[in-house]
Structures are given as C-alpha cells and as structure tokens.
Amino acid sequence: MTKTDPSLKELYHQDGYTVVEPGTLLPEIAGVFAKNPDTAVLVFNRKKNKFIGVMYLYDFLELYGNPPSSLGALPKAKIEDCVNTNIISIDWNENVSQAWAKINKYKPKAVLLHDENEEFAGYISNEDIWNGLEQIQSD
C-alpha cells in the first residue's frame, strides 16, 4: 500500500447508516427514512450474527410505488422480505484500489467494513469510495 492509496480505514466516512432487525415492519422503516432520508438501513440478523441486506430510500419508495403481490399488505410486511441481499464486507485495511476492484467484480448494493477480527467496523458509501479515488488521482 502506498502513501497515495489510502486504506479504507483512513477514509473519512461521511454517510450514515441505521441497523435494524429482520422483523422490523415497513412503517418503522418509513420512520427511519423520515428522520434521515440519506441513511442506509442495514438489516442485521442477531441469531446468525450477520448482516443480511440493505435498503435505501429509493428502494423503499419503489417498493411502495410498485409493491410485489408476494408481500401482501405493506404495513404488515417485514424488511427481511424485501431487503436487497447483494452486500459484501471488505477488510478495512485494504486500500481504495483493492476495494474498487471488488466493487467492480461483485457490484454490491452496499459495502460493509470489517476489522482484523472479522467484526463489523462500518459502512462505506459510494461517495466515500469516490472521494478515495479522487484522492489517489490528485496525489
């Protein structure tokens, strides 16, 4: 890792996230987005000790605008039934270039960070990655 290619841990992480349980009802998710429309809602299954997906405001609005019949009544639907499960976790010691390669390969909906002990260390947004790539170019 060079001085011009920072680790993910070194990046400034400006976007927020909210962690909810799989059984959280969609009206509660609406409340999360009402308080902070820019948040990423990460769904964490405590029993399995793993994140199972992510939802953003635009996913939520699309869901309400065109609900799948399999969900039934939306006010009674749980987030686990409609969350996007295409997420990856990257070691926060990897540099921006390594992360960018994985993002291009897997095309995840969300990128989570883990530390040396495989423990959750945060969420990295598209904007965070772009800022890291711009930092590499400017150096």
Protein backbone atom coordinates (compact mmCIF):
# COMPACT_ATOMS: atom_id res chain seq x y z
CA MET A 1 0.00 0.00 0.00
CA THR A 2 1.42 3.32 -0.99
CA LYS A 3 1.01 6.67 0.65
CA THR A 4 -1.25 7.80 -2.21
CA ASP A 5 -3.59 4.80 -1.96
CA PRO A 6 -5.20 5.09 1.49
CA SER A 7 -6.74 2.20 3.37
CA LEU A 8 -10.49 2.17 3.78
CA LYS A 9 -9.96 2.77 7.49
CA GLU A 10 -8.20 6.05 6.67
CA LEU A 11 -11.06 7.41 4.55
CA TYR A 12 -13.49 9.88 6.02
CA HIS A 13 -16.83 8.10 6.25
CA GLN A 14 -19.50 10.76 5.99
CA ASP A 15 -22.63 8.78 5.19
CA GLY A 16 -24.67 7.28 7.96
CA TYR A 17 -26.43 4.03 8.44
CA THR A 18 -29.07 2.59 10.71
CA VAL A 19 -29.09 -1.04 11.81
CA VAL A 20 -32.44 -2.81 12.20
CA GLU A 21 -33.56 -6.36 12.87
CA PRO A 22 -35.08 -8.55 10.13
CA GLY A 23 -38.54 -8.46 11.71
CA THR A 24 -38.80 -4.66 11.56
CA LEU A 25 -42.05 -3.64 9.89
CA LEU A 26 -42.03 -1.32 6.89
CA PRO A 27 -43.89 1.50 8.70
CA GLU A 28 -40.99 1.59 11.19
CA ILE A 29 -38.57 1.82 8.27
CA ALA A 30 -40.62 4.76 6.98
CA GLY A 31 -39.95 6.45 10.32
CA VAL A 32 -36.21 5.86 9.94
CA PHE A 33 -36.23 7.48 6.50
CA ALA A 34 -38.42 10.35 7.72
CA LYS A 35 -35.78 11.23 10.30
CA ASN A 36 -32.82 10.72 7.96
CA PRO A 37 -33.58 10.22 4.26
CA ASP A 38 -29.89 9.75 3.40
CA THR A 39 -29.35 6.79 5.70
CA ALA A 40 -28.65 3.25 4.58
CA VAL A 41 -30.80 0.79 6.52
CA LEU A 42 -28.68 -2.28 7.25
CA VAL A 43 -30.53 -5.42 8.31
CA PHE A 44 -28.70 -7.50 10.92
CA ASN A 45 -29.77 -10.99 11.97
CA ARG A 46 -28.59 -11.45 15.56
CA LYS A 47 -29.28 -15.18 15.62
CA LYS A 48 -26.96 -15.74 12.67
CA ASN A 49 -24.67 -12.86 13.68
CA LYS A 50 -24.59 -11.47 10.16
CA PHE A 51 -25.90 -8.66 8.01
CA ILE A 52 -28.46 -9.89 5.51
CA GLY A 53 -29.16 -6.83 3.40
CA VAL A 54 -29.61 -3.12 2.84
CA MET A 55 -32.39 -0.73 1.90
CA TYR A 56 -32.14 2.87 0.75
CA LEU A 57 -34.91 5.44 0.49
CA TYR A 58 -35.27 4.96 -3.25
CA ASP A 59 -35.72 1.19 -2.70
CA PHE A 60 -38.38 1.93 -0.12
CA LEU A 61 -40.23 4.36 -2.39
CA GLU A 62 -40.06 1.95 -5.31
CA LEU A 63 -41.44 -0.79 -3.11
CA TYR A 64 -44.41 1.35 -2.08
CA GLY A 65 -44.91 2.59 -5.64
CA ASN A 66 -44.94 -0.90 -7.12
CA PRO A 67 -45.41 -3.46 -4.33
CA PRO A 68 -44.96 -7.11 -5.24
CA SER A 69 -48.07 -9.17 -4.62
CA SER A 70 -45.99 -11.66 -2.61
CA LEU A 71 -45.63 -9.13 0.22
CA GLY A 72 -49.32 -8.79 0.92
CA ALA A 73 -50.30 -5.76 3.00
CA LEU A 74 -47.29 -3.44 3.11
CA PRO A 75 -47.96 -2.12 6.63
CA LYS A 76 -47.55 -5.70 7.89
CA ALA A 77 -44.55 -6.58 5.72
CA LYS A 78 -41.15 -7.08 7.32
CA ILE A 79 -37.97 -5.62 5.91
CA GLU A 80 -36.38 -9.07 5.66
CA ASP A 81 -38.94 -9.93 2.97
CA CYS A 82 -37.94 -7.09 0.66
CA VAL A 83 -34.35 -6.11 1.51
CA ASN A 84 -31.61 -6.26 -1.12
CA THR A 85 -29.20 -9.03 -0.06
CA ASN A 86 -26.40 -8.15 -2.50
CA ILE A 87 -23.90 -6.85 0.05
CA ILE A 88 -20.21 -7.50 0.63
CA SER A 89 -17.85 -6.97 3.52
CA ILE A 90 -14.29 -5.77 2.91
CA ASP A 91 -11.38 -5.66 5.36
CA TRP A 92 -10.92 -2.02 6.32
CA ASN A 93 -7.16 -2.38 5.99
CA GLU A 94 -7.48 -2.88 2.23
CA ASN A 95 -6.66 0.12 0.13
CA VAL A 96 -9.11 2.02 -2.06
CA SER A 97 -7.85 0.37 -5.27
CA GLN A 98 -8.40 -3.12 -3.85
CA ALA A 99 -11.89 -2.17 -2.70
CA TRP A 100 -12.71 -0.64 -6.07
CA ALA A 101 -11.68 -3.88 -7.80
CA LYS A 102 -14.01 -5.91 -5.56
CA ILE A 103 -16.86 -3.45 -6.06
CA ASN A 104 -16.47 -3.71 -9.83
CA LYS A 105 -16.36 -7.50 -9.65
CA TYR A 106 -19.32 -8.11 -7.31
CA LYS A 107 -21.39 -4.95 -7.97
CA PRO A 108 -22.88 -4.92 -4.46
CA LYS A 109 -25.77 -2.80 -3.29
CA ALA A 110 -23.79 -1.98 -0.12
CA VAL A 111 -20.23 -2.34 1.14
CA LEU A 112 -19.64 -3.08 4.81
CA LEU A 113 -16.28 -2.91 6.51
CA HIS A 114 -14.81 -5.41 8.94
CA ASP A 115 -11.73 -5.23 11.10
CA GLU A 116 -8.89 -7.71 11.66
CA ASN A 117 -11.16 -9.84 13.88
CA GLU A 118 -13.92 -10.02 11.24
CA GLU A 119 -16.06 -7.71 13.39
CA PHE A 120 -18.30 -5.09 11.78
CA ALA A 121 -16.40 -1.81 11.53
CA GLY A 122 -18.74 0.35 9.50
CA TYR A 123 -20.40 1.10 6.21
CA ILE A 124 -18.76 2.75 3.22
CA SER A 125 -20.85 4.68 0.73
CA ASN A 126 -20.31 5.32 -2.96
CA GLU A 127 -19.36 8.88 -2.08
CA ASP A 128 -16.68 7.66 0.34
CA ILE A 129 -15.17 5.44 -2.36
CA TRP A 130 -15.30 8.23 -4.95
CA ASN A 131 -13.56 10.58 -2.53
CA GLY A 132 -10.85 7.96 -2.01
CA LEU A 133 -10.41 7.52 -5.77
CA GLU A 134 -10.20 11.29 -6.25
CA GLN A 135 -7.58 11.43 -3.52
CA ILE A 136 -5.49 8.87 -5.39
CA GLN A 137 -5.79 10.85 -8.64
CA SER A 138 -4.89 14.15 -7.01
CA ASP A 139 -1.78 12.64 -5.39
